[in-house]
N, C-alpha and C. Protein backbone atom coordinates (compact mmCIF):
# COMPACT_ATOMS: atom_id res chain seq x y z
N UNK A 1 246.19 124.51 99.46
CA UNK A 1 245.74 124.52 98.11
C UNK A 1 246.87 123.99 97.23
N UNK A 2 246.47 123.15 96.30
CA UNK A 2 247.47 122.55 95.44
C UNK A 2 247.51 123.28 94.12
N UNK A 3 248.67 123.40 93.59
CA UNK A 3 248.77 124.07 92.30
C UNK A 3 248.25 123.18 91.18
N UNK A 4 247.72 123.78 90.16
CA UNK A 4 247.25 123.04 88.99
C UNK A 4 248.44 122.55 88.21
N UNK A 5 248.41 121.31 87.85
CA UNK A 5 249.50 120.77 87.06
C UNK A 5 248.95 120.24 85.76
N UNK A 6 249.76 120.37 84.78
CA UNK A 6 249.42 119.82 83.49
C UNK A 6 250.41 118.72 83.20
N UNK A 7 249.89 117.59 82.83
CA UNK A 7 250.80 116.47 82.55
C UNK A 7 251.07 116.41 81.07
N UNK A 8 252.16 115.78 80.78
CA UNK A 8 252.53 115.63 79.37
C UNK A 8 251.52 114.71 78.71
N UNK A 9 251.17 115.03 77.48
CA UNK A 9 250.23 114.19 76.74
C UNK A 9 248.81 114.68 76.85
N UNK A 10 248.58 115.54 77.79
CA UNK A 10 247.24 116.10 77.90
C UNK A 10 247.17 117.23 76.91
N UNK A 11 246.47 117.04 75.85
CA UNK A 11 246.45 118.01 74.77
C UNK A 11 245.45 119.11 75.01
N UNK A 12 245.22 119.80 73.95
CA UNK A 12 244.27 120.89 74.03
C UNK A 12 242.90 120.36 74.39
N UNK A 13 242.19 121.14 75.03
CA UNK A 13 240.83 120.78 75.35
C UNK A 13 240.70 120.08 76.67
N UNK A 14 241.83 119.73 77.28
CA UNK A 14 241.68 119.10 78.59
C UNK A 14 241.60 120.19 79.62
N UNK A 15 240.84 119.97 80.59
CA UNK A 15 240.65 121.00 81.61
C UNK A 15 241.69 120.84 82.69
N UNK A 16 242.01 121.94 83.37
CA UNK A 16 243.00 121.85 84.44
C UNK A 16 242.49 120.95 85.54
N UNK A 17 243.36 120.22 86.11
CA UNK A 17 243.01 119.36 87.22
C UNK A 17 242.69 117.95 86.79
N UNK A 18 242.64 117.69 85.51
CA UNK A 18 242.35 116.34 85.03
C UNK A 18 243.66 115.71 84.60
N UNK A 19 243.76 114.51 84.88
CA UNK A 19 244.99 113.84 84.46
C UNK A 19 244.64 112.73 83.49
N UNK A 20 245.59 112.37 82.69
CA UNK A 20 245.39 111.28 81.74
C UNK A 20 244.51 111.72 80.58
N UNK A 21 243.77 110.80 80.06
CA UNK A 21 242.94 111.12 78.90
C UNK A 21 241.68 111.85 79.36
N UNK A 22 241.23 112.70 78.51
CA UNK A 22 240.06 113.51 78.85
C UNK A 22 238.80 112.65 78.73
N UNK A 23 237.96 112.79 79.67
CA UNK A 23 236.68 112.07 79.66
C UNK A 23 235.65 112.95 78.96
N UNK A 24 235.00 112.44 77.92
CA UNK A 24 234.03 113.24 77.18
C UNK A 24 232.63 112.93 77.69
N UNK A 25 231.95 113.95 77.95
CA UNK A 25 230.54 113.82 78.33
C UNK A 25 229.74 114.09 77.07
N UNK A 26 228.86 113.18 76.71
CA UNK A 26 228.11 113.41 75.47
C UNK A 26 227.22 114.64 75.60
N UNK A 27 227.26 115.43 74.54
CA UNK A 27 226.41 116.61 74.51
C UNK A 27 225.01 116.18 74.09
N UNK A 28 224.05 116.84 74.61
CA UNK A 28 222.69 116.48 74.19
C UNK A 28 222.52 116.78 72.71
N UNK A 29 221.87 115.85 72.01
CA UNK A 29 221.62 116.03 70.58
C UNK A 29 220.48 117.00 70.35
N UNK A 30 220.14 117.23 69.09
CA UNK A 30 219.09 118.20 68.78
C UNK A 30 217.74 117.81 69.37
N UNK A 31 217.52 116.51 69.60
CA UNK A 31 216.24 116.09 70.13
C UNK A 31 216.17 116.17 71.65
N UNK A 32 217.31 116.34 72.34
CA UNK A 32 217.30 116.40 73.80
C UNK A 32 217.69 117.76 74.35
N UNK A 33 217.94 118.73 73.52
CA UNK A 33 218.42 120.03 74.00
C UNK A 33 217.46 120.70 74.95
N UNK A 34 216.20 120.66 74.60
CA UNK A 34 215.22 121.34 75.44
C UNK A 34 214.33 120.36 76.18
N UNK A 35 214.81 119.16 76.39
CA UNK A 35 214.06 118.16 77.12
C UNK A 35 212.94 117.53 76.31
N UNK A 36 212.93 117.67 74.98
CA UNK A 36 211.88 117.10 74.13
C UNK A 36 212.42 115.91 73.37
N UNK A 37 211.53 115.00 73.09
CA UNK A 37 211.93 113.86 72.25
C UNK A 37 211.81 114.25 70.79
N UNK A 38 212.35 113.44 69.95
CA UNK A 38 212.23 113.68 68.51
C UNK A 38 210.80 113.35 68.09
N UNK A 39 210.06 114.32 67.61
CA UNK A 39 208.66 114.13 67.24
C UNK A 39 208.44 114.29 65.75
N UNK A 40 209.49 114.15 64.98
CA UNK A 40 209.33 114.27 63.54
C UNK A 40 208.45 113.14 63.03
N UNK A 41 207.44 113.49 62.21
CA UNK A 41 206.54 112.50 61.64
C UNK A 41 205.32 112.20 62.47
N UNK A 42 205.28 112.65 63.72
CA UNK A 42 204.12 112.33 64.55
C UNK A 42 202.89 113.12 64.13
N UNK A 43 203.06 114.27 63.53
CA UNK A 43 201.91 115.04 63.06
C UNK A 43 201.19 114.29 61.94
N UNK A 44 201.94 113.63 61.09
CA UNK A 44 201.33 112.86 60.00
C UNK A 44 200.53 111.71 60.57
N UNK A 45 201.09 111.02 61.55
CA UNK A 45 200.40 109.89 62.17
C UNK A 45 199.12 110.36 62.85
N UNK A 46 199.21 111.46 63.59
CA UNK A 46 198.03 111.99 64.27
C UNK A 46 196.98 112.44 63.27
N UNK A 47 197.40 113.07 62.18
CA UNK A 47 196.45 113.52 61.17
C UNK A 47 195.73 112.34 60.53
N UNK A 48 196.46 111.31 60.18
CA UNK A 48 195.86 110.13 59.56
C UNK A 48 194.90 109.45 60.54
N UNK A 49 195.33 109.28 61.78
CA UNK A 49 194.49 108.62 62.78
C UNK A 49 193.21 109.41 63.01
N UNK A 50 193.32 110.70 63.26
CA UNK A 50 192.13 111.51 63.51
C UNK A 50 191.28 111.65 62.25
N UNK A 51 191.93 111.72 61.10
CA UNK A 51 191.18 111.79 59.85
C UNK A 51 190.31 110.57 59.65
N UNK A 52 190.87 109.39 59.85
CA UNK A 52 190.10 108.16 59.71
C UNK A 52 189.03 108.07 60.79
N UNK A 53 189.39 108.43 62.01
CA UNK A 53 188.45 108.37 63.12
C UNK A 53 187.24 109.27 62.89
N UNK A 54 187.45 110.41 62.31
CA UNK A 54 186.34 111.33 62.05
C UNK A 54 185.68 111.10 60.70
N UNK A 55 186.41 110.57 59.75
CA UNK A 55 185.87 110.40 58.41
C UNK A 55 184.91 109.22 58.31
N UNK A 56 185.17 108.16 59.01
CA UNK A 56 184.33 106.97 58.93
C UNK A 56 182.89 107.27 59.35
N UNK A 57 182.63 107.92 60.49
CA UNK A 57 181.24 108.23 60.84
C UNK A 57 180.58 109.20 59.85
N UNK A 58 181.32 110.14 59.33
CA UNK A 58 180.75 111.09 58.37
C UNK A 58 180.35 110.36 57.09
N UNK A 59 181.20 109.47 56.61
CA UNK A 59 180.88 108.71 55.40
C UNK A 59 179.65 107.83 55.65
N UNK A 60 179.57 107.20 56.82
CA UNK A 60 178.41 106.36 57.14
C UNK A 60 177.13 107.19 57.22
N UNK A 61 177.24 108.39 57.77
CA UNK A 61 176.08 109.28 57.84
C UNK A 61 175.61 109.66 56.43
N UNK A 62 176.54 109.95 55.55
CA UNK A 62 176.18 110.29 54.17
C UNK A 62 175.52 109.09 53.48
N UNK A 63 176.03 107.89 53.70
CA UNK A 63 175.42 106.69 53.12
C UNK A 63 174.00 106.48 53.64
N UNK A 64 173.80 106.70 54.93
CA UNK A 64 172.48 106.52 55.53
C UNK A 64 171.49 107.55 55.00
N UNK A 65 171.90 108.80 54.93
CA UNK A 65 171.02 109.84 54.40
C UNK A 65 170.70 109.58 52.93
N UNK A 66 171.67 109.14 52.18
CA UNK A 66 171.43 108.80 50.78
C UNK A 66 170.44 107.65 50.63
N UNK A 67 170.57 106.67 51.51
CA UNK A 67 169.64 105.52 51.48
C UNK A 67 168.23 105.96 51.83
N UNK A 68 168.10 106.85 52.82
CA UNK A 68 166.78 107.38 53.19
C UNK A 68 166.18 108.20 52.05
N UNK A 69 167.00 108.99 51.39
CA UNK A 69 166.52 109.79 50.26
C UNK A 69 166.07 108.87 49.11
N UNK A 70 166.83 107.83 48.85
CA UNK A 70 166.43 106.87 47.83
C UNK A 70 165.12 106.19 48.19
N UNK A 71 164.95 105.86 49.46
CA UNK A 71 163.69 105.26 49.91
C UNK A 71 162.52 106.21 49.73
N UNK A 72 162.74 107.49 50.00
CA UNK A 72 161.69 108.48 49.81
C UNK A 72 161.29 108.59 48.35
N UNK A 73 162.28 108.65 47.47
CA UNK A 73 161.98 108.70 46.04
C UNK A 73 161.25 107.44 45.59
N UNK A 74 161.65 106.29 46.13
CA UNK A 74 161.05 105.02 45.72
C UNK A 74 159.58 104.96 46.10
N UNK A 75 159.22 105.35 47.32
CA UNK A 75 157.81 105.24 47.72
C UNK A 75 156.93 106.25 47.00
N UNK A 76 157.46 107.44 46.73
CA UNK A 76 156.67 108.43 45.99
C UNK A 76 156.38 107.92 44.58
N UNK A 77 157.40 107.43 43.90
CA UNK A 77 157.20 106.90 42.55
C UNK A 77 156.32 105.66 42.54
N UNK A 78 156.51 104.79 43.52
CA UNK A 78 155.71 103.56 43.58
C UNK A 78 154.24 103.86 43.81
N UNK A 79 153.95 104.74 44.75
CA UNK A 79 152.55 105.08 45.03
C UNK A 79 151.90 105.76 43.83
N UNK A 80 152.60 106.68 43.21
CA UNK A 80 152.05 107.40 42.06
C UNK A 80 151.78 106.46 40.89
N UNK A 81 152.74 105.63 40.55
CA UNK A 81 152.56 104.72 39.42
C UNK A 81 151.51 103.65 39.71
N UNK A 82 151.47 103.16 40.95
CA UNK A 82 150.47 102.15 41.30
C UNK A 82 149.06 102.72 41.19
N UNK A 83 148.85 103.94 41.63
CA UNK A 83 147.52 104.55 41.53
C UNK A 83 147.13 104.76 40.07
N UNK A 84 148.05 105.20 39.24
CA UNK A 84 147.76 105.41 37.82
C UNK A 84 147.43 104.10 37.11
N UNK A 85 148.20 103.06 37.42
CA UNK A 85 147.97 101.76 36.79
C UNK A 85 146.64 101.17 37.28
N UNK A 86 146.33 101.37 38.53
CA UNK A 86 145.11 100.80 39.11
C UNK A 86 143.87 101.34 38.40
N UNK A 87 143.78 102.66 38.22
CA UNK A 87 142.56 103.24 37.62
C UNK A 87 142.46 102.94 36.13
N UNK A 88 143.52 102.49 35.51
CA UNK A 88 143.50 102.21 34.07
C UNK A 88 143.19 100.75 33.75
N UNK A 89 143.08 99.89 34.77
CA UNK A 89 142.86 98.46 34.55
C UNK A 89 141.38 98.18 34.25
N UNK A 90 141.12 97.07 33.53
CA UNK A 90 139.73 96.75 33.18
C UNK A 90 138.91 96.15 34.34
N UNK A 91 139.56 95.37 35.22
CA UNK A 91 138.84 94.75 36.33
C UNK A 91 139.58 95.03 37.64
N UNK A 92 138.86 94.99 38.76
CA UNK A 92 139.53 95.23 40.06
C UNK A 92 140.64 94.22 40.35
N UNK A 93 140.50 92.96 39.92
CA UNK A 93 141.55 91.96 40.16
C UNK A 93 142.80 92.29 39.36
N UNK A 94 142.61 92.65 38.10
CA UNK A 94 143.75 93.07 37.27
C UNK A 94 144.38 94.34 37.84
N UNK A 95 143.54 95.25 38.33
CA UNK A 95 144.03 96.51 38.88
C UNK A 95 144.95 96.27 40.07
N UNK A 96 144.53 95.38 40.97
CA UNK A 96 145.34 95.08 42.15
C UNK A 96 146.66 94.44 41.74
N UNK A 97 146.62 93.49 40.83
CA UNK A 97 147.84 92.81 40.37
C UNK A 97 148.79 93.80 39.70
N UNK A 98 148.26 94.64 38.84
CA UNK A 98 149.09 95.62 38.13
C UNK A 98 149.68 96.66 39.09
N UNK A 99 148.88 97.08 40.05
CA UNK A 99 149.37 98.08 41.00
C UNK A 99 150.52 97.52 41.84
N UNK A 100 150.37 96.31 42.31
CA UNK A 100 151.44 95.69 43.12
C UNK A 100 152.70 95.44 42.28
N UNK A 101 152.54 95.11 41.03
CA UNK A 101 153.70 94.94 40.14
C UNK A 101 154.39 96.29 39.90
N UNK A 102 153.60 97.34 39.75
CA UNK A 102 154.19 98.68 39.57
C UNK A 102 154.99 99.09 40.82
N UNK A 103 154.47 98.75 41.99
CA UNK A 103 155.20 99.05 43.24
C UNK A 103 156.51 98.26 43.27
N UNK A 104 156.45 96.98 42.91
CA UNK A 104 157.66 96.14 42.92
C UNK A 104 158.73 96.70 41.99
N UNK A 105 158.32 97.11 40.80
CA UNK A 105 159.28 97.64 39.82
C UNK A 105 159.87 98.96 40.30
N UNK A 106 159.03 99.85 40.84
CA UNK A 106 159.52 101.15 41.31
C UNK A 106 160.49 100.99 42.47
N UNK A 107 160.21 100.07 43.38
CA UNK A 107 161.12 99.83 44.51
C UNK A 107 162.43 99.20 44.04
N UNK A 108 162.34 98.28 43.08
CA UNK A 108 163.54 97.62 42.57
C UNK A 108 164.46 98.62 41.87
N UNK A 109 163.89 99.66 41.26
CA UNK A 109 164.72 100.67 40.61
C UNK A 109 165.64 101.38 41.60
N UNK A 110 165.25 101.42 42.87
CA UNK A 110 166.05 102.08 43.90
C UNK A 110 166.75 101.08 44.81
N UNK A 111 166.70 99.81 44.47
CA UNK A 111 167.44 98.80 45.23
C UNK A 111 166.71 98.25 46.44
N UNK A 112 165.40 98.37 46.47
CA UNK A 112 164.61 97.83 47.58
C UNK A 112 163.79 96.65 47.09
N UNK A 113 163.36 95.80 48.01
CA UNK A 113 162.54 94.64 47.65
C UNK A 113 161.11 94.86 48.11
N UNK A 114 160.20 94.10 47.54
CA UNK A 114 158.80 94.23 47.93
C UNK A 114 158.56 93.72 49.35
N UNK A 115 159.48 92.89 49.86
CA UNK A 115 159.34 92.41 51.24
C UNK A 115 159.55 93.53 52.26
N UNK A 116 160.27 94.57 51.88
CA UNK A 116 160.53 95.69 52.78
C UNK A 116 159.39 96.70 52.79
N UNK A 117 158.41 96.53 51.89
CA UNK A 117 157.34 97.53 51.73
C UNK A 117 155.98 96.93 52.05
N UNK A 118 155.07 97.81 52.40
CA UNK A 118 153.67 97.45 52.59
C UNK A 118 152.84 98.35 51.68
N UNK A 119 151.86 97.76 51.00
CA UNK A 119 151.03 98.50 50.06
C UNK A 119 149.59 98.40 50.52
N UNK A 120 148.94 99.55 50.67
CA UNK A 120 147.51 99.60 51.01
C UNK A 120 146.78 100.33 49.88
N UNK A 121 145.75 99.67 49.34
CA UNK A 121 144.96 100.25 48.26
C UNK A 121 143.53 100.39 48.76
N UNK A 122 143.02 101.60 48.73
CA UNK A 122 141.64 101.84 49.17
C UNK A 122 140.89 102.61 48.07
N UNK A 123 139.61 102.31 47.99
CA UNK A 123 138.75 102.99 47.01
C UNK A 123 137.68 103.77 47.77
N UNK A 124 137.26 104.91 47.22
CA UNK A 124 136.26 105.73 47.90
C UNK A 124 134.90 105.06 47.89
N UNK A 125 134.51 104.50 46.78
CA UNK A 125 133.27 103.73 46.68
C UNK A 125 133.65 102.39 46.08
N UNK A 126 132.90 101.90 45.15
CA UNK A 126 133.26 100.65 44.48
C UNK A 126 134.49 100.92 43.62
N UNK A 127 135.47 100.02 43.71
CA UNK A 127 136.70 100.20 42.94
C UNK A 127 136.39 100.21 41.45
N UNK A 128 136.98 101.14 40.76
CA UNK A 128 136.87 101.34 39.33
C UNK A 128 135.49 101.84 38.89
N UNK A 129 134.65 102.26 39.85
CA UNK A 129 133.37 102.87 39.47
C UNK A 129 133.66 104.28 38.96
N UNK A 130 133.01 104.71 37.89
CA UNK A 130 133.28 106.05 37.35
C UNK A 130 133.08 107.14 38.42
N UNK A 131 134.07 108.01 38.53
CA UNK A 131 134.01 109.12 39.49
C UNK A 131 134.56 108.78 40.87
N UNK A 132 134.89 107.52 41.13
CA UNK A 132 135.46 107.16 42.43
C UNK A 132 136.96 107.46 42.46
N UNK A 133 137.50 107.49 43.65
CA UNK A 133 138.94 107.73 43.78
C UNK A 133 139.61 106.48 44.34
N UNK A 134 140.85 106.31 43.94
CA UNK A 134 141.68 105.20 44.42
C UNK A 134 142.91 105.81 45.09
N UNK A 135 143.16 105.40 46.31
CA UNK A 135 144.33 105.88 47.06
C UNK A 135 145.26 104.71 47.33
N UNK A 136 146.52 104.90 46.98
CA UNK A 136 147.54 103.89 47.21
C UNK A 136 148.55 104.47 48.20
N UNK A 137 148.78 103.74 49.29
CA UNK A 137 149.77 104.14 50.29
C UNK A 137 150.87 103.08 50.30
N UNK A 138 152.10 103.53 50.16
CA UNK A 138 153.26 102.63 50.18
C UNK A 138 154.14 103.02 51.36
N UNK A 139 154.41 102.06 52.23
CA UNK A 139 155.29 102.26 53.38
C UNK A 139 156.52 101.38 53.19
N UNK A 140 157.68 101.97 53.47
CA UNK A 140 158.93 101.24 53.24
C UNK A 140 159.83 101.37 54.47
N UNK A 141 160.30 100.23 54.98
CA UNK A 141 161.30 100.23 56.04
C UNK A 141 162.66 100.30 55.38
N UNK A 142 163.35 101.42 55.55
CA UNK A 142 164.66 101.62 54.93
C UNK A 142 165.72 101.03 55.86
N UNK A 143 166.44 100.00 55.40
CA UNK A 143 167.46 99.39 56.26
C UNK A 143 168.71 100.25 56.35
N UNK A 144 169.43 100.09 57.44
CA UNK A 144 170.72 100.77 57.59
C UNK A 144 171.71 100.20 56.58
N UNK A 145 172.51 101.04 55.94
CA UNK A 145 173.48 100.51 54.98
C UNK A 145 174.60 99.75 55.68
N UNK A 146 175.07 98.72 55.03
CA UNK A 146 176.21 97.90 55.47
C UNK A 146 175.95 97.12 56.75
N UNK A 147 174.68 97.01 57.16
CA UNK A 147 174.34 96.23 58.35
C UNK A 147 173.62 94.98 57.86
N UNK A 148 174.19 93.81 58.10
CA UNK A 148 173.56 92.59 57.60
C UNK A 148 172.26 92.28 58.35
N UNK A 149 171.39 91.54 57.69
CA UNK A 149 170.14 91.12 58.32
C UNK A 149 170.45 90.10 59.41
N UNK A 150 169.84 90.29 60.57
CA UNK A 150 170.05 89.39 61.69
C UNK A 150 168.73 88.68 61.96
N UNK A 151 168.74 87.37 61.89
CA UNK A 151 167.56 86.55 62.13
C UNK A 151 166.39 86.95 61.23
N UNK A 152 166.69 87.30 59.99
CA UNK A 152 165.63 87.60 59.04
C UNK A 152 165.06 89.00 59.11
N UNK A 153 165.55 89.84 60.00
CA UNK A 153 165.04 91.21 60.10
C UNK A 153 166.17 92.18 59.82
N UNK A 154 165.85 93.24 59.11
CA UNK A 154 166.83 94.28 58.82
C UNK A 154 166.77 95.35 59.90
N UNK A 155 167.91 95.90 60.24
CA UNK A 155 167.94 97.04 61.14
C UNK A 155 167.44 98.24 60.35
N UNK A 156 166.34 98.81 60.79
CA UNK A 156 165.69 99.87 60.02
C UNK A 156 166.20 101.24 60.46
N UNK A 157 166.58 102.05 59.48
CA UNK A 157 166.98 103.42 59.77
C UNK A 157 165.75 104.27 60.01
N UNK A 158 164.72 104.06 59.21
CA UNK A 158 163.47 104.80 59.33
C UNK A 158 162.42 104.13 58.45
N UNK A 159 161.20 104.55 58.65
CA UNK A 159 160.10 104.11 57.79
C UNK A 159 159.61 105.33 57.03
N UNK A 160 159.59 105.23 55.72
CA UNK A 160 159.10 106.32 54.88
C UNK A 160 157.83 105.84 54.19
N UNK A 161 156.92 106.78 53.94
CA UNK A 161 155.69 106.41 53.26
C UNK A 161 155.24 107.54 52.34
N UNK A 162 154.39 107.16 51.40
CA UNK A 162 153.84 108.12 50.46
C UNK A 162 152.46 107.63 50.04
N UNK A 163 151.62 108.57 49.72
CA UNK A 163 150.27 108.24 49.27
C UNK A 163 150.00 108.97 47.96
N UNK A 164 149.25 108.33 47.10
CA UNK A 164 148.84 108.94 45.83
C UNK A 164 147.38 108.60 45.58
N UNK A 165 146.65 109.57 45.10
CA UNK A 165 145.22 109.38 44.82
C UNK A 165 144.95 109.70 43.35
N UNK A 166 144.18 108.84 42.71
CA UNK A 166 143.79 109.03 41.32
C UNK A 166 142.28 108.93 41.21
N UNK A 167 141.73 109.70 40.31
CA UNK A 167 140.30 109.70 40.06
C UNK A 167 140.01 108.79 38.87
N UNK A 168 139.03 107.89 39.06
CA UNK A 168 138.62 107.01 37.97
C UNK A 168 137.79 107.86 37.01
N UNK A 169 138.10 107.81 35.72
CA UNK A 169 137.39 108.63 34.73
C UNK A 169 135.92 108.30 34.68
N UNK A 170 135.11 109.34 34.50
CA UNK A 170 133.66 109.13 34.42
C UNK A 170 133.25 108.51 33.11
N UNK A 171 133.99 108.83 32.08
CA UNK A 171 133.65 108.33 30.75
C UNK A 171 134.81 107.47 30.28
N UNK A 172 134.75 106.20 30.55
CA UNK A 172 135.87 105.36 30.21
C UNK A 172 135.58 104.45 29.17
């Protein structure tokens, strides 16, 4: 066994048995102490990524439901107004023209076109005969929001419809 020697110039902090200058082994920093990498800021990145990933479908769902609700309101108003205008017209030809114009205006108020809707007008007996009824049915294909028309057809979220019936006055 050899005795431990200390050489001149080896200052404090040198361990016995080492000669010359002390070799420093780097100590692990705060990010390597427990075998973990530095993860500062990663929670923000994960929150933003997951937030956007989950928020986009929810926002699209809200837009679609809002569009469907608007379509429902549009067909109810269009059918009701068309039936009222129809029974108030002087001739069946004027009645049909006025009813279809009322449908166009009601749909335009909610951002829909008359090309997206179908209008059916039926009379119980002769149209505009006193005591007869007029039924107007409006069907609307509600397109998906933010989806462009492909080859002239819209991607439809759903079809909504409404019917309204009016009685032609007996004493007009």
